[in-house]
Protein backbone atom coordinates (compact mmCIF):
# COMPACT_ATOMS: atom_id res chain seq x y z
CA UNK A 1 -13.53 144.81 269.80
CA UNK A 2 -11.60 144.93 266.58
CA UNK A 3 -9.71 147.92 265.21
CA UNK A 4 -12.37 148.72 262.59
CA UNK A 5 -15.10 148.91 265.23
CA UNK A 6 -12.89 151.06 267.46
CA UNK A 7 -12.22 153.45 264.59
CA UNK A 8 -15.95 153.64 263.82
CA UNK A 9 -16.70 154.33 267.50
CA UNK A 10 -14.01 157.01 267.59
CA UNK A 11 -15.47 158.70 264.50
CA UNK A 12 -19.04 158.62 265.88
CA UNK A 13 -17.81 159.85 269.26
CA UNK A 14 -15.97 162.78 267.68
CA UNK A 15 -19.12 163.67 265.72
CA UNK A 16 -21.10 163.64 268.97
CA UNK A 17 -18.52 165.85 270.69
CA UNK A 18 -18.74 168.33 267.80
CA UNK A 19 -22.55 168.31 268.04
CA UNK A 20 -22.45 168.96 271.79
CA UNK A 21 -20.00 171.81 271.29
CA UNK A 22 -22.17 173.30 268.53
CA UNK A 23 -25.51 172.87 270.32
CA UNK A 24 -24.46 173.68 273.88
CA UNK A 25 -21.36 175.80 273.42
CA UNK A 26 -19.25 173.55 275.64
CA UNK A 27 -16.17 171.47 275.00
CA UNK A 28 -17.40 168.21 276.57
CA UNK A 29 -15.82 164.91 277.45
CA UNK A 30 -17.54 161.68 278.53
CA UNK A 31 -18.23 162.99 282.04
CA UNK A 32 -19.65 166.24 280.68
CA UNK A 33 -21.93 164.39 278.30
CA UNK A 34 -23.12 162.13 281.10
CA UNK A 35 -23.89 165.24 283.16
CA UNK A 36 -25.89 166.74 280.26
CA UNK A 37 -27.85 163.50 279.92
CA UNK A 38 -28.61 163.60 283.65
CA UNK A 39 -30.00 167.12 283.31
CA UNK A 40 -32.05 166.04 280.29
CA UNK A 41 -33.43 162.99 282.11
CA UNK A 42 -34.33 165.09 285.16
CA UNK A 43 -36.36 167.28 282.81
CA UNK A 44 -36.23 170.50 284.81
CA UNK A 45 -33.96 172.48 282.52
CA UNK A 46 -30.65 174.09 283.42
CA UNK A 47 -30.67 174.79 287.16
CA UNK A 48 -27.95 175.30 289.73
CA UNK A 49 -27.08 172.01 291.39
CA UNK A 50 -25.05 171.34 294.50
CA UNK A 51 -22.31 168.72 294.56
CA UNK A 52 -24.61 165.95 295.79
CA UNK A 53 -27.21 166.73 293.13
CA UNK A 54 -24.53 166.72 290.44
CA UNK A 55 -23.49 163.24 291.57
CA UNK A 56 -27.15 162.18 291.48
CA UNK A 57 -27.45 163.55 287.93
CA UNK A 58 -24.41 161.50 286.89
CA UNK A 59 -26.01 158.41 288.45
CA UNK A 60 -29.32 159.06 286.68
CA UNK A 61 -27.53 159.40 283.35
CA UNK A 62 -25.42 156.30 283.88
CA UNK A 63 -28.52 154.27 284.73
CA UNK A 64 -30.31 155.68 281.69
CA UNK A 65 -27.39 154.81 279.43
CA UNK A 66 -27.05 151.31 280.85
CA UNK A 67 -30.80 150.79 280.42
CA UNK A 68 -29.98 150.67 276.70
CA UNK A 69 -28.40 147.28 277.39
CA UNK A 70 -31.06 146.07 279.82
CA UNK A 71 -29.10 146.59 283.04
CA UNK A 72 -31.48 149.18 284.52
CA UNK A 73 -35.18 149.98 284.31
CA UNK A 74 -36.89 153.22 285.30
CA UNK A 75 -38.86 152.44 288.47
CA UNK A 76 -40.50 155.84 288.91
CA UNK A 77 -39.98 159.36 290.19
CA UNK A 78 -39.84 160.70 293.72
CA UNK A 79 -41.96 163.56 295.07
CA UNK A 80 -39.43 166.10 293.74
CA UNK A 81 -39.54 164.59 290.25
CA UNK A 82 -36.15 162.86 290.34
CA UNK A 83 -36.12 159.57 288.40
CA UNK A 84 -35.17 156.37 290.17
CA UNK A 85 -33.76 153.30 288.46
CA UNK A 86 -33.78 149.64 289.38
CA UNK A 87 -30.96 147.25 288.54
CA UNK A 88 -32.42 144.51 286.36
CA UNK A 89 -29.37 142.59 285.24
CA UNK A 90 -25.95 141.73 286.57
CA UNK A 91 -23.42 144.26 285.40
CA UNK A 92 -20.43 142.72 283.66
CA UNK A 93 -16.97 143.19 285.07
CA UNK A 94 -15.26 145.52 282.65
CA UNK A 95 -11.97 147.34 282.57
CA UNK A 96 -12.09 151.13 282.71
CA UNK A 97 -11.48 151.25 278.95
CA UNK A 98 -14.34 148.80 278.33
CA UNK A 99 -16.62 150.85 280.61
CA UNK A 100 -15.79 153.98 278.60
CA UNK A 101 -16.54 152.17 275.34
CA UNK A 102 -19.88 150.92 276.65
CA UNK A 103 -20.92 154.35 277.91
CA UNK A 104 -19.75 156.09 274.73
CA UNK A 105 -21.76 153.70 272.57
CA UNK A 106 -24.83 154.24 274.73
CA UNK A 107 -24.38 158.04 274.65
CA UNK A 108 -24.11 157.98 270.87
CA UNK A 109 -27.37 156.02 270.73
CA UNK A 110 -29.00 158.35 273.24
CA UNK A 111 -28.27 161.43 271.16
CA UNK A 112 -29.41 159.71 267.97
CA UNK A 113 -32.85 159.45 269.54
CA UNK A 114 -33.17 163.13 270.47
C-alpha cells in the first residue's frame, strides 16, 4: 500500500473515530469498534455481556467485516439469535499491521452502509 493510500485510510479512520465518539459517547479504537459492530450484528441492543459473550461478539464482528472481502458468509442464527458464519475463502497470511489495515477498511465500509 502506498503512502497516499495510507494517508487516505488514516483520514477516513479518524473521521470514523470522531463519528463513533459523537454518536456513542465513547473514545473507541479498532477493538472497541469491532465490539460495537458485534453488538449491532447481534441485533439485541446494548445488554450486559459476560467475557465469553464479549469474545463471541468480537468474532461475529470480525466475520462480518471479513465477509466484505468474501472470506465469510452468514450461515444462519442459533436458537438464541446469535449469528453464525462460515469460512468461504482461505484467509491470507498478513502481518498484524496488514490485518489492522484490512479490518479498518472493512469497518469504514461497514459504517458507510449504516
